[in-house]
Structure formats: C-alpha cells, structure tokens
Amino acid sequence: MTFWRGPSSNRRSRQIAAGKRVNEALNWPNIAEEIESVARSELDAVQSLDGLSSVEWV
C-alpha cells in the first residue's frame, strides 16, 4: 500500500510526537480515491498473472 507523505503529514507526525492532539478532518473523498486506485492496480496484477497461467511452456 502506498502512503502519501508530504509537508502536511510531516507536520502532523511532529505534533503527535510532541504529544499534541491532532484533530484534522479526514479527506474521505481522497481516501476513497486512493483505495480505488490501489484496488484497480491489484486487480490488474492478478489479471496479468492469470493470463500467464494459461501460457503453455514448451
């Protein structure tokens, strides 16, 4: 799974490490888009492997 890293996540990590509560709202549309993207990628990989299983090795 891919995790987004950037200035916002670095700031949040520092705040958590300092013991501060971080109450940022989750960006649900973005989270859903990322999950769908990973699922499509995994499905493509499985379908690709499935195609290879039908190849007859001589």
Protein backbone atom coordinates (compact mmCIF):
# COMPACT_ATOMS: atom_id res chain seq x y z
CA MET A 1 0.00 0.00 0.00
CA THR A 2 1.21 3.45 -0.79
CA PHE A 3 1.18 6.14 1.85
CA TRP A 4 1.15 9.80 0.98
CA ARG A 5 3.98 11.73 2.53
CA GLY A 6 4.37 15.45 2.39
CA PRO A 7 4.61 18.64 4.40
CA SER A 8 1.19 18.13 5.99
CA SER A 9 1.94 14.58 7.13
CA ASN A 10 5.37 15.60 8.44
CA ARG A 11 3.82 18.40 10.49
CA ARG A 12 1.18 16.03 11.82
CA SER A 13 3.83 13.46 12.77
CA ARG A 14 5.80 16.09 14.70
CA GLN A 15 2.66 17.21 16.53
CA ILE A 16 1.77 13.65 17.52
CA ALA A 17 5.36 13.02 18.67
CA ALA A 18 5.13 16.16 20.83
CA GLY A 19 2.01 14.74 22.48
CA LYS A 20 -0.38 17.20 20.86
CA ARG A 21 -3.84 16.10 19.77
CA VAL A 22 -4.35 16.34 16.06
CA ASN A 23 -7.99 16.78 15.12
CA GLU A 24 -7.77 17.35 11.41
CA ALA A 25 -10.79 16.17 9.47
CA LEU A 26 -10.18 13.21 7.20
CA ASN A 27 -10.48 13.83 3.49
CA TRP A 28 -12.86 10.94 2.78
CA PRO A 29 -13.19 11.54 -0.99
CA ASN A 30 -9.40 11.42 -1.33
CA ILE A 31 -9.16 8.31 0.87
CA ALA A 32 -11.80 6.56 -1.24
CA GLU A 33 -9.99 7.53 -4.44
CA GLU A 34 -6.70 6.14 -3.11
CA ILE A 35 -8.35 2.85 -2.07
CA GLU A 36 -9.97 2.51 -5.50
CA SER A 37 -6.64 3.21 -7.20
CA VAL A 38 -4.84 0.52 -5.20
CA ALA A 39 -7.67 -1.95 -5.80
CA ARG A 40 -7.52 -1.35 -9.57
CA SER A 41 -3.76 -1.82 -9.55
CA GLU A 42 -4.02 -5.07 -7.59
CA LEU A 43 -6.78 -6.36 -9.88
CA ASP A 44 -4.67 -5.57 -12.94
CA ALA A 45 -1.75 -7.50 -11.42
CA VAL A 46 -3.92 -10.54 -10.68
CA GLN A 47 -5.46 -10.50 -14.15
CA SER A 48 -1.98 -10.27 -15.67
CA LEU A 49 -0.81 -13.29 -13.66
CA ASP A 50 -3.98 -15.17 -14.57
CA GLY A 51 -3.18 -14.63 -18.23
CA LEU A 52 0.32 -16.01 -17.73
CA SER A 53 -1.06 -19.17 -16.10
CA SER A 54 -2.75 -20.13 -19.38
CA VAL A 55 0.50 -19.86 -21.37
CA GLU A 56 1.82 -23.29 -22.30
CA TRP A 57 5.53 -23.58 -21.64
CA VAL A 58 7.33 -25.71 -24.22
